[in-house]
């Protein structure tokens, strides 16, 4: 708890692959709260016939992959481009608390007791958000899903529930990163115990070439800039438990033996929903570019072609008119191509 009375929330993935939090409401408290306040329970349709097709041409995407491969940053940036809803379990909880909703107030009270996050409670909150009117209207990008403890629902059960949504998913994006490559990124994360800020150690250019310097990891997407090095910052940065080598080994083992087989089984039975598979990379702007290019390449072959992702092609001047012939070369460009030319993805800059 902070000095101003606010409750801090920390979500981590345990070494055994279980998603947990030191400050979330558990299932029993949630059920008791629902009963006392006559809140509506969240139910899933019994069959696909009860689901409705998307009435708007908006993206309804799910991003899957191992922890710490850039899913959240990619999801946030896609939401920024397409102006759709960012659906993330931690964000849903934080929004409820910050807006002081009845659920948020209850969460705040229970969090003080240090309860672990209950998978079924979070699952219901996510499903409720995905079926909301704003997701129907604007579309959504979901990440931080599924939860991994499998106490109440298996990974495959949670994934199958996405096929029964009112606002049914129209694309899955799977980010894959080899374990050895992933380890190099993950082991470079550090936490400032005084502020709780997370940093990533990056090779320094310029005068400090060859040294590792900390870059602040923002909770939301923004172009990465070199953070001013605070006094004694590098000396006080610590490695969290989940970044220890033996814990990373446990993460990889659980993912490869439990999570990935569930993903593969699910992908084989997605009923025609497109799957875009990407190899992750340390630079988030590169991952964003790769995602857009992959979506663009398959947009005319799948249901993605009916979505308003890239806009209609329009003719634009390719060059200035020739003064003598007064002729103009034109070329067809999509909305995304024009957007990309105006706002090119850059590399990390100093600031």
Protein backbone atom coordinates (compact mmCIF):
# COMPACT_ATOMS: atom_id res chain seq x y z
CA UNK A 1 0.00 0.00 0.00
CA UNK A 2 1.38 3.41 -0.95
CA UNK A 3 1.71 6.40 1.35
CA UNK A 4 -1.32 8.10 -0.22
CA UNK A 5 -3.55 5.14 0.59
CA UNK A 6 -3.59 3.64 -2.89
CA UNK A 7 -3.10 -0.07 -3.30
CA UNK A 8 -0.26 -1.22 -5.49
CA UNK A 9 -0.90 -4.19 -7.75
CA UNK A 10 1.75 -6.58 -8.97
CA UNK A 11 1.07 -9.40 -11.41
CA UNK A 12 3.70 -12.06 -11.98
CA UNK A 13 4.00 -15.46 -13.59
CA UNK A 14 5.18 -18.07 -11.12
CA UNK A 15 8.03 -20.41 -11.97
CA UNK A 16 5.59 -23.28 -12.56
CA UNK A 17 3.75 -21.25 -15.18
CA UNK A 18 0.89 -20.21 -12.89
CA UNK A 19 -0.34 -16.67 -13.39
CA UNK A 20 -0.77 -15.01 -10.03
CA UNK A 21 -1.06 -11.67 -8.30
CA UNK A 22 -0.27 -10.56 -4.82
CA UNK A 23 -3.38 -8.41 -4.69
CA UNK A 24 -6.37 -9.79 -6.60
CA UNK A 25 -9.79 -10.99 -5.44
CA UNK A 26 -10.11 -14.75 -5.17
CA UNK A 27 -13.06 -16.70 -6.53
CA UNK A 28 -14.89 -17.16 -3.23
CA UNK A 29 -14.88 -13.45 -2.49
CA UNK A 30 -16.01 -12.69 -6.03
CA UNK A 31 -18.93 -15.11 -5.80
CA UNK A 32 -19.95 -13.71 -2.43
CA UNK A 33 -19.80 -10.19 -3.84
CA UNK A 34 -21.96 -11.20 -6.81
CA UNK A 35 -24.61 -12.70 -4.54
CA UNK A 36 -24.73 -9.73 -2.17
CA UNK A 37 -25.08 -7.22 -4.99
CA UNK A 38 -27.30 -9.30 -7.29
CA UNK A 39 -24.77 -8.82 -10.04
CA UNK A 40 -25.28 -10.61 -13.32
CA UNK A 41 -23.26 -13.77 -13.70
CA UNK A 42 -21.28 -14.20 -16.87
CA UNK A 43 -22.42 -17.15 -18.95
CA UNK A 44 -21.17 -18.47 -22.25
CA UNK A 45 -23.41 -19.62 -25.08
CA UNK A 46 -24.07 -23.35 -25.14
CA UNK A 47 -23.40 -23.62 -28.84
CA UNK A 48 -22.00 -21.72 -31.78
CA UNK A 49 -25.53 -21.18 -33.07
CA UNK A 50 -26.13 -18.78 -30.18
CA UNK A 51 -23.23 -16.56 -31.18
CA UNK A 52 -23.69 -13.65 -33.53
CA UNK A 53 -21.49 -12.69 -36.42
CA UNK A 54 -19.66 -9.39 -36.26
CA UNK A 55 -21.97 -6.72 -37.62
CA UNK A 56 -19.19 -4.18 -37.98
CA UNK A 57 -16.02 -4.51 -40.01
CA UNK A 58 -13.71 -4.07 -37.04
CA UNK A 59 -10.75 -6.15 -35.84
CA UNK A 60 -11.42 -8.64 -33.07
CA UNK A 61 -7.96 -10.09 -32.57
CA UNK A 62 -6.26 -12.26 -29.95
CA UNK A 63 -2.48 -12.22 -29.48
CA UNK A 64 -0.95 -15.37 -28.02
CA UNK A 65 2.60 -16.29 -27.07
CA UNK A 66 5.06 -16.81 -24.26
CA UNK A 67 5.42 -14.17 -21.53
CA UNK A 68 7.66 -11.21 -22.26
CA UNK A 69 7.68 -11.44 -26.06
CA UNK A 70 6.03 -8.07 -26.75
CA UNK A 71 2.35 -9.08 -26.88
CA UNK A 72 1.06 -6.15 -24.83
CA UNK A 73 3.08 -3.51 -26.65
CA UNK A 74 1.92 -4.90 -30.00
CA UNK A 75 -1.70 -5.02 -28.84
CA UNK A 76 -1.58 -1.43 -27.61
CA UNK A 77 -0.10 -0.17 -30.83
CA UNK A 78 -2.64 -1.99 -32.98
CA UNK A 79 -5.38 -0.48 -30.82
CA UNK A 80 -3.84 2.93 -31.38
CA UNK A 81 -3.88 2.47 -35.16
CA UNK A 82 -7.37 0.99 -35.39
CA UNK A 83 -8.91 2.78 -32.39
CA UNK A 84 -10.26 -0.42 -30.90
CA UNK A 85 -10.52 -1.64 -27.30
CA UNK A 86 -7.41 -2.95 -25.56
CA UNK A 87 -8.52 -5.95 -23.47
CA UNK A 88 -6.04 -7.04 -20.81
CA UNK A 89 -6.88 -8.65 -17.47
CA UNK A 90 -4.60 -6.41 -15.41
CA UNK A 91 -5.94 -3.30 -17.17
CA UNK A 92 -9.54 -4.34 -16.48
CA UNK A 93 -8.80 -4.66 -12.76
CA UNK A 94 -6.90 -1.38 -12.63
CA UNK A 95 -9.66 0.45 -14.50
CA UNK A 96 -12.28 -0.81 -12.05
CA UNK A 97 -10.18 0.36 -9.12
CA UNK A 98 -9.34 3.77 -10.58
CA UNK A 99 -12.99 4.41 -11.53
CA UNK A 100 -14.12 3.23 -8.08
CA UNK A 101 -16.75 0.90 -9.48
CA UNK A 102 -18.51 -1.39 -6.97
CA UNK A 103 -16.30 -4.23 -8.13
CA UNK A 104 -13.24 -2.00 -8.01
CA UNK A 105 -13.94 -0.96 -4.43
CA UNK A 106 -14.35 -4.59 -3.44
CA UNK A 107 -11.16 -5.50 -5.24
CA UNK A 108 -9.32 -2.71 -3.48
CA UNK A 109 -10.44 -3.93 -0.07
CA UNK A 110 -9.59 -7.56 -0.73
CA UNK A 111 -6.23 -6.75 -2.34
CA UNK A 112 -5.00 -5.41 0.98
CA UNK A 113 -5.16 -8.98 2.27
CA UNK A 114 -2.73 -10.18 -0.41
CA UNK A 115 -4.95 -12.70 -2.16
CA UNK A 116 -3.62 -14.35 -5.30
CA UNK A 117 -5.43 -13.72 -8.53
CA UNK A 118 -8.08 -16.33 -9.18
CA UNK A 119 -8.15 -17.56 -12.75
CA UNK A 120 -11.90 -18.04 -12.99
CA UNK A 121 -12.65 -14.53 -11.73
CA UNK A 122 -10.29 -12.99 -14.26
CA UNK A 123 -11.62 -15.23 -17.02
CA UNK A 124 -15.17 -13.98 -16.37
CA UNK A 125 -14.07 -10.33 -16.32
CA UNK A 126 -12.27 -10.76 -19.65
CA UNK A 127 -15.23 -12.53 -21.28
CA UNK A 128 -17.60 -9.82 -20.03
CA UNK A 129 -15.39 -7.13 -21.55
CA UNK A 130 -15.07 -8.96 -24.88
CA UNK A 131 -18.87 -9.21 -25.12
CA UNK A 132 -19.38 -5.55 -24.20
CA UNK A 133 -21.07 -2.98 -26.42
CA UNK A 134 -17.84 -1.00 -26.85
CA UNK A 135 -16.07 -4.09 -28.19
CA UNK A 136 -18.99 -4.67 -30.56
CA UNK A 137 -18.72 -1.10 -31.81
CA UNK A 138 -14.95 -0.60 -31.89
CA UNK A 139 -13.46 -4.07 -32.02
CA UNK A 140 -10.77 -5.29 -29.65
CA UNK A 141 -7.25 -6.66 -29.28
CA UNK A 142 -6.91 -9.22 -26.46
CA UNK A 143 -3.62 -10.23 -24.86
CA UNK A 144 -2.49 -11.65 -21.51
CA UNK A 145 -4.70 -14.66 -22.18
CA UNK A 146 -5.21 -17.47 -21.24
CA UNK A 147 -4.32 -17.86 -17.58
CA UNK A 148 -2.10 -20.80 -16.82
CA UNK A 149 -2.87 -22.35 -13.43
CA UNK A 150 -5.61 -24.63 -14.89
CA UNK A 151 -7.23 -24.90 -11.45
CA UNK A 152 -10.72 -23.97 -12.64
CA UNK A 153 -10.34 -23.99 -16.42
CA UNK A 154 -7.79 -25.65 -18.65
CA UNK A 155 -5.89 -23.61 -21.21
CA UNK A 156 -7.78 -25.31 -24.02
CA UNK A 157 -11.12 -24.67 -22.31
CA UNK A 158 -10.35 -20.96 -22.08
CA UNK A 159 -9.30 -20.78 -25.73
CA UNK A 160 -12.41 -22.65 -26.89
CA UNK A 161 -14.56 -20.12 -25.02
CA UNK A 162 -13.29 -17.44 -27.42
CA UNK A 163 -15.07 -19.26 -30.26
CA UNK A 164 -18.39 -18.81 -28.43
CA UNK A 165 -18.21 -15.06 -27.91
CA UNK A 166 -20.94 -12.74 -29.12
CA UNK A 167 -18.14 -10.63 -30.58
CA UNK A 168 -16.36 -13.56 -32.13
CA UNK A 169 -12.63 -13.45 -32.81
CA UNK A 170 -11.73 -12.87 -36.47
CA UNK A 171 -7.96 -13.40 -36.23
CA UNK A 172 -5.41 -15.02 -33.93
CA UNK A 173 -1.81 -13.81 -33.85
CA UNK A 174 0.77 -16.22 -32.43
CA UNK A 175 4.18 -14.79 -31.54
CA UNK A 176 6.85 -17.49 -31.41
CA UNK A 177 10.37 -16.98 -30.10
CA UNK A 178 13.04 -19.69 -29.75
CA UNK A 179 13.94 -20.33 -26.12
CA UNK A 180 17.58 -19.34 -26.49
CA UNK A 181 16.70 -16.05 -28.14
CA UNK A 182 13.94 -15.38 -25.63
CA UNK A 183 16.29 -16.01 -22.73
CA UNK A 184 18.65 -13.28 -23.92
CA UNK A 185 15.88 -10.68 -23.67
CA UNK A 186 14.32 -11.94 -20.48
CA UNK A 187 17.55 -12.07 -18.51
CA UNK A 188 18.15 -8.40 -19.33
CA UNK A 189 15.16 -7.16 -17.32
CA UNK A 190 15.72 -5.37 -14.02
CA UNK A 191 13.52 -3.67 -11.42
CA UNK A 192 14.15 -0.50 -9.44
CA UNK A 193 13.10 -1.45 -5.88
CA UNK A 194 12.59 2.20 -4.94
CA UNK A 195 10.07 3.02 -7.67
CA UNK A 196 8.90 -0.35 -8.99
CA UNK A 197 9.88 0.72 -12.53
CA UNK A 198 11.08 -2.00 -14.88
CA UNK A 199 14.17 -1.53 -17.02
CA UNK A 200 15.74 -3.40 -19.90
CA UNK A 201 19.52 -3.47 -20.23
CA UNK A 202 20.51 -2.49 -23.77
CA UNK A 203 23.93 -2.22 -25.36
CA UNK A 204 24.95 1.43 -25.32
CA UNK A 205 25.96 3.38 -28.43
CA UNK A 206 28.36 6.31 -28.47
CA UNK A 207 30.81 6.95 -25.66
CA UNK A 208 29.54 4.06 -23.56
CA UNK A 209 29.68 1.55 -26.41
CA UNK A 210 29.96 -2.00 -25.12
CA UNK A 211 28.27 -1.21 -21.81
CA UNK A 212 24.75 -2.21 -20.83
CA UNK A 213 22.58 0.74 -19.88
CA UNK A 214 18.98 0.70 -18.59
CA UNK A 215 15.99 1.62 -20.75
CA UNK A 216 12.74 2.28 -18.92
CA UNK A 217 10.05 -0.23 -19.89
CA UNK A 218 6.82 1.72 -20.22
CA UNK A 219 3.53 0.08 -19.18
CA UNK A 220 1.99 1.42 -22.36
CA UNK A 221 3.29 1.61 -25.90
CA UNK A 222 5.49 4.55 -26.80
CA UNK A 223 8.59 4.87 -28.98
CA UNK A 224 11.55 3.66 -26.97
CA UNK A 225 13.97 6.36 -25.89
CA UNK A 226 17.08 6.17 -23.82
CA UNK A 227 16.11 7.03 -20.25
CA UNK A 228 18.26 9.59 -18.45
CA UNK A 229 20.52 7.62 -16.14
CA UNK A 230 19.56 8.52 -12.59
CA UNK A 231 22.11 8.81 -9.84
CA UNK A 232 22.94 5.34 -8.48
CA UNK A 233 20.19 3.80 -10.64
CA UNK A 234 22.36 1.12 -12.17
CA UNK A 235 23.73 0.17 -8.76
CA UNK A 236 20.32 -0.44 -7.21
CA UNK A 237 18.63 -2.34 -10.06
CA UNK A 238 17.73 -5.89 -9.06
CA UNK A 239 16.82 -9.13 -10.84
CA UNK A 240 13.31 -10.31 -10.01
CA UNK A 241 12.65 -13.92 -9.07
CA UNK A 242 11.00 -14.68 -12.42
CA UNK A 243 14.09 -13.45 -14.30
CA UNK A 244 16.42 -15.89 -12.52
CA UNK A 245 17.90 -18.48 -14.86
CA UNK A 246 16.30 -21.46 -13.10
CA UNK A 247 12.87 -19.79 -13.16
CA UNK A 248 13.19 -19.03 -16.86
CA UNK A 249 13.96 -22.72 -17.38
CA UNK A 250 10.70 -23.56 -15.59
CA UNK A 251 8.78 -21.08 -17.73
CA UNK A 252 10.12 -22.64 -20.92
CA UNK A 253 9.48 -26.19 -19.73
CA UNK A 254 5.88 -25.41 -18.81
CA UNK A 255 5.25 -23.57 -22.07
CA UNK A 256 6.72 -26.30 -24.26
CA UNK A 257 5.08 -29.22 -22.43
CA UNK A 258 1.69 -27.74 -21.50
CA UNK A 259 0.88 -24.43 -23.17
CA UNK A 260 2.19 -24.99 -26.70
CA UNK A 261 0.45 -28.37 -27.17
CA UNK A 262 -2.82 -26.72 -26.09
CA UNK A 263 -2.24 -23.92 -28.61
CA UNK A 264 -1.55 -26.40 -31.40
CA UNK A 265 -4.66 -28.44 -30.63
CA UNK A 266 -6.74 -25.27 -30.62
CA UNK A 267 -5.25 -23.97 -33.88
CA UNK A 268 -6.27 -27.20 -35.62
CA UNK A 269 -9.93 -26.62 -34.73
CA UNK A 270 -10.48 -22.88 -35.18
CA UNK A 271 -13.29 -23.21 -37.70
CA UNK A 272 -11.74 -21.08 -40.45
CA UNK A 273 -10.48 -18.20 -38.32
CA UNK A 274 -7.16 -16.88 -39.73
CA UNK A 275 -3.96 -17.58 -37.81
CA UNK A 276 -0.97 -15.28 -38.28
CA UNK A 277 2.28 -16.72 -36.91
CA UNK A 278 5.20 -14.37 -36.31
CA UNK A 279 8.69 -14.68 -34.92
CA UNK A 280 9.13 -12.21 -32.09
CA UNK A 281 11.99 -9.76 -31.92
CA UNK A 282 13.52 -7.51 -29.29
CA UNK A 283 12.57 -4.34 -31.18
CA UNK A 284 8.83 -3.73 -30.83
CA UNK A 285 8.56 -1.48 -33.89
CA UNK A 286 9.91 -4.34 -36.03
CA UNK A 287 7.32 -6.73 -34.58
CA UNK A 288 4.60 -4.19 -35.34
CA UNK A 289 5.80 -3.84 -38.94
CA UNK A 290 5.93 -7.63 -39.37
CA UNK A 291 2.41 -7.98 -38.01
CA UNK A 292 0.95 -5.39 -40.35
CA UNK A 293 2.75 -6.89 -43.34
CA UNK A 294 1.51 -10.40 -42.48
CA UNK A 295 -2.07 -9.18 -42.05
CA UNK A 296 -1.85 -7.26 -45.30
CA UNK A 297 -0.55 -10.28 -47.21
CA UNK A 298 -3.46 -12.51 -46.17
CA UNK A 299 -6.18 -9.84 -46.13
CA UNK A 300 -7.47 -10.81 -49.57
CA UNK A 301 -7.55 -14.55 -48.84
CA UNK A 302 -9.44 -14.77 -45.56
CA UNK A 303 -12.24 -13.11 -43.61
CA UNK A 304 -9.74 -10.33 -42.92
CA UNK A 305 -10.63 -8.99 -46.35
CA UNK A 306 -14.03 -7.90 -45.03
CA UNK A 307 -12.52 -5.86 -42.20
CA UNK A 308 -11.76 -2.17 -42.36
CA UNK A 309 -8.05 -2.62 -41.63
CA UNK A 310 -6.38 -0.95 -44.56
CA UNK A 311 -9.11 1.05 -46.23
CA UNK A 312 -9.96 1.16 -49.90
CA UNK A 313 -7.21 1.72 -52.42
CA UNK A 314 -7.03 5.25 -53.79
CA UNK A 315 -4.92 6.79 -56.48
CA UNK A 316 -2.21 9.19 -55.39
CA UNK A 317 0.39 11.18 -57.24
CA UNK A 318 3.58 9.15 -57.40
CA UNK A 319 5.62 12.21 -58.34
CA UNK A 320 5.32 15.83 -59.28
CA UNK A 321 3.79 16.59 -62.73
CA UNK A 322 6.31 16.89 -65.50
CA UNK A 323 6.35 20.58 -66.40
CA UNK A 324 6.73 19.91 -70.10
CA UNK A 325 4.40 16.98 -70.69
CA UNK A 326 2.03 17.85 -67.83
CA UNK A 327 1.61 14.12 -67.16
CA UNK A 328 1.23 12.62 -63.73
CA UNK A 329 2.18 9.10 -62.70
CA UNK A 330 -0.28 7.66 -60.23
CA UNK A 331 -0.09 4.59 -58.06
CA UNK A 332 -2.61 2.79 -55.89
CA UNK A 333 -1.96 3.02 -52.17
CA UNK A 334 -3.93 1.67 -49.25
CA UNK A 335 -4.76 3.64 -46.13
CA UNK A 336 -2.09 1.71 -44.25
CA UNK A 337 0.56 2.46 -46.89
CA UNK A 338 -0.22 6.16 -46.66
CA UNK A 339 -0.22 6.01 -42.87
CA UNK A 340 3.11 4.22 -42.87
CA UNK A 341 4.70 6.86 -45.10
CA UNK A 342 3.50 9.65 -42.84
CA UNK A 343 4.44 7.88 -39.59
CA UNK A 344 7.31 5.49 -40.32
CA UNK A 345 8.39 3.16 -37.54
CA UNK A 346 11.69 4.32 -36.17
CA UNK A 347 14.50 2.78 -34.25
CA UNK A 348 15.34 3.66 -30.63
CA UNK A 349 16.34 7.28 -30.31
CA UNK A 350 18.19 9.22 -27.71
CA UNK A 351 16.18 11.63 -25.65
